[in-house]
Amino acid sequence: MRLSTKGEYASRAMLELSLHHADGPVHIRDISAAQDIPERFLEQILLQLKRAGYLRSKKGPNGGYYLAKAPSRISVAEVIRVMDGPLAPIDCVSVTAHEVCPREAFCGLKGLWKETRDAIARILERTTFADLAERTKAGQVMGAGEKPAGRRTSG
């Protein structure tokens, strides 16, 4: 899986909308400013997420975009798949876009790519935008269990 700029921006926009879920619609200008996403690019992304059923919009002076369901019911994996397609690093191990490879039966790499896909999918599927909003509000910028990288000293 390679996360595109579109996938990254979609994740950041969904996080911003999750942070303001209880506040009502958020104007595209505010999402753009808060997440440093070019407004024109963001508009295309939000429309794609709306077509996929993750967002709704409201017109008017108090309008904007809002989540179609609770952030606890939207996984990061769902949004990445909408924007970038399958999570698998190669098609022969993809669950959603499997393509048969003539080497599948004896390929020594297939197991590695499947393990990679499974690990990525497990993390992204269990992480919701509510989880990310909580981390953000708590000031956590690292994943669970991670420690900041620092200089190692011997001794």
Protein backbone atom coordinates (compact mmCIF):
# COMPACT_ATOMS: atom_id res chain seq x y z
CA MET A 1 0.00 0.00 0.00
CA ARG A 2 1.22 3.44 -0.88
CA LEU A 3 -0.72 6.27 0.67
CA SER A 4 -1.29 8.97 -1.93
CA THR A 5 -1.52 12.66 -1.17
CA LYS A 6 -5.24 12.30 -1.81
CA GLY A 7 -5.48 9.52 0.80
CA GLU A 8 -3.47 11.53 3.30
CA TYR A 9 -5.58 14.66 2.79
CA ALA A 10 -8.80 12.65 3.02
CA SER A 11 -7.64 11.19 6.34
CA ARG A 12 -6.73 14.63 7.65
CA ALA A 13 -10.08 16.09 6.54
CA MET A 14 -11.97 13.22 8.18
CA LEU A 15 -9.97 13.77 11.37
CA GLU A 16 -10.83 17.47 11.35
CA LEU A 17 -14.52 16.69 10.86
CA SER A 18 -14.30 14.12 13.66
CA LEU A 19 -12.82 16.72 15.99
CA HIS A 20 -15.85 18.94 15.29
CA HIS A 21 -18.46 16.19 15.00
CA ALA A 22 -20.60 17.59 17.82
CA ASP A 23 -20.35 21.17 16.50
CA GLY A 24 -22.26 20.71 13.26
CA PRO A 25 -21.13 21.46 9.70
CA VAL A 26 -17.59 22.69 9.12
CA HIS A 27 -16.87 25.03 6.22
CA ILE A 28 -14.36 23.81 3.66
CA ARG A 29 -12.29 26.96 4.28
CA ASP A 30 -11.91 26.00 7.95
CA ILE A 31 -10.94 22.39 7.17
CA SER A 32 -8.42 23.66 4.63
CA ALA A 33 -6.84 26.10 7.09
CA ALA A 34 -6.76 23.71 10.05
CA GLN A 35 -5.24 20.82 8.10
CA ASP A 36 -3.15 22.81 5.58
CA ILE A 37 -4.88 21.28 2.55
CA PRO A 38 -5.32 23.31 -0.65
CA GLU A 39 -9.00 24.26 -0.86
CA ARG A 40 -9.50 23.22 -4.49
CA PHE A 41 -8.00 19.78 -3.90
CA LEU A 42 -9.97 19.42 -0.67
CA GLU A 43 -13.23 20.14 -2.47
CA GLN A 44 -12.67 17.19 -4.83
CA ILE A 45 -11.77 14.92 -1.90
CA LEU A 46 -14.82 15.91 0.13
CA LEU A 47 -17.11 15.33 -2.84
CA GLN A 48 -15.64 11.85 -3.32
CA LEU A 49 -16.14 11.06 0.38
CA LYS A 50 -19.69 12.40 0.16
CA ARG A 51 -20.46 10.19 -2.86
CA ALA A 52 -19.06 7.22 -0.91
CA GLY A 53 -21.51 7.96 1.92
CA TYR A 54 -19.09 9.18 4.61
CA LEU A 55 -20.03 12.86 4.49
CA ARG A 56 -23.07 15.05 4.13
CA SER A 57 -23.21 18.73 3.38
CA LYS A 58 -25.42 21.65 4.26
CA LYS A 59 -25.73 24.79 2.17
CA GLY A 60 -25.97 28.31 3.45
CA PRO A 61 -24.06 30.65 5.74
CA ASN A 62 -23.93 28.05 8.54
CA GLY A 63 -23.28 25.27 6.08
CA GLY A 64 -20.39 23.01 5.39
CA TYR A 65 -19.51 19.35 5.62
CA TYR A 66 -20.21 16.92 8.44
CA LEU A 67 -19.81 13.19 9.01
CA ALA A 68 -22.69 10.99 7.84
CA LYS A 69 -22.20 8.74 10.87
CA ALA A 70 -20.35 8.81 14.15
CA PRO A 71 -16.54 8.90 13.90
CA SER A 72 -16.46 5.73 16.00
CA ARG A 73 -18.16 3.94 13.11
CA ILE A 74 -15.67 5.00 10.42
CA SER A 75 -12.35 3.20 10.21
CA VAL A 76 -9.26 4.67 8.63
CA ALA A 77 -9.12 1.60 6.34
CA GLU A 78 -12.51 2.49 4.83
CA VAL A 79 -11.41 5.98 3.87
CA ILE A 80 -8.05 4.84 2.49
CA ARG A 81 -9.80 2.23 0.34
CA VAL A 82 -12.19 4.87 -1.04
CA MET A 83 -9.33 7.17 -1.96
CA ASP A 84 -6.48 4.80 -2.84
CA GLY A 85 -8.01 1.36 -3.41
CA PRO A 86 -6.87 -1.91 -1.82
CA LEU A 87 -4.51 -1.96 1.14
CA ALA A 88 -2.48 -4.84 -0.30
CA PRO A 89 1.02 -4.05 -1.57
CA ILE A 90 0.43 -6.29 -4.63
CA ASP A 91 -2.72 -7.56 -6.35
CA CYS A 92 -2.22 -11.30 -5.76
CA VAL A 93 -2.77 -10.84 -1.99
CA SER A 94 -5.55 -8.27 -2.22
CA VAL A 95 -8.87 -9.21 -0.65
CA THR A 96 -10.88 -6.59 -2.54
CA ALA A 97 -9.04 -6.58 -5.90
CA HIS A 98 -7.37 -9.99 -6.13
CA GLU A 99 -5.74 -10.77 -9.45
CA VAL A 100 -4.43 -14.23 -10.23
CA CYS A 101 -0.70 -14.41 -10.82
CA PRO A 102 0.85 -17.33 -12.74
CA ARG A 103 3.51 -17.57 -10.00
CA GLU A 104 1.07 -17.70 -7.07
CA ALA A 105 1.37 -21.44 -6.42
CA PHE A 106 5.14 -21.33 -5.93
CA CYS A 107 5.98 -17.70 -5.17
CA GLY A 108 8.20 -17.34 -2.13
CA LEU A 109 7.23 -13.71 -1.69
CA LYS A 110 3.45 -14.13 -1.57
CA GLY A 111 3.46 -15.03 2.14
CA LEU A 112 5.45 -11.92 3.00
CA TRP A 113 3.13 -9.65 1.01
CA LYS A 114 0.07 -11.28 2.63
CA GLU A 115 1.52 -10.77 6.12
CA THR A 116 2.24 -7.15 5.23
CA ARG A 117 -1.30 -6.64 3.96
CA ASP A 118 -2.79 -8.32 7.02
CA ALA A 119 -0.75 -6.18 9.44
CA ILE A 120 -1.64 -2.93 7.68
CA ALA A 121 -5.30 -3.89 7.40
CA ARG A 122 -5.49 -4.94 11.05
CA ILE A 123 -4.17 -1.58 12.26
CA LEU A 124 -6.18 0.59 9.87
CA GLU A 125 -9.41 -1.38 10.33
CA ARG A 126 -9.32 -1.24 14.12
CA THR A 127 -8.46 2.48 14.19
CA THR A 128 -11.48 4.75 13.93
CA PHE A 129 -11.61 8.47 13.43
CA ALA A 130 -12.96 8.73 16.99
CA ASP A 131 -9.71 7.11 18.16
CA LEU A 132 -7.67 9.61 16.18
CA ALA A 133 -9.73 12.54 17.47
CA GLU A 134 -9.11 11.37 21.04
CA ARG A 135 -5.37 11.07 20.37
CA THR A 136 -5.33 14.52 18.84
CA LYS A 137 -7.23 16.10 21.72
CA ALA A 138 -4.88 14.43 24.17
CA GLY A 139 -1.89 15.77 22.25
CA GLN A 140 -0.71 12.33 21.20
CA VAL A 141 1.05 12.37 17.89
CA MET A 142 2.51 8.87 18.07
CA GLY A 143 0.86 5.47 17.91
CA ALA A 144 0.07 3.50 21.03
CA GLY A 145 3.15 2.15 22.71
CA GLU A 146 5.57 4.24 20.66
CA LYS A 147 8.23 6.30 22.36
CA PRO A 148 9.87 9.33 20.86
CA ALA A 149 13.05 8.62 19.01
CA GLY A 150 16.01 10.03 20.79
CA ARG A 151 19.71 9.71 20.95
CA ARG A 152 20.78 6.40 22.33
CA THR A 153 23.57 6.40 24.79
CA SER A 154 25.64 3.43 25.65
CA GLY A 155 26.16 2.32 29.18
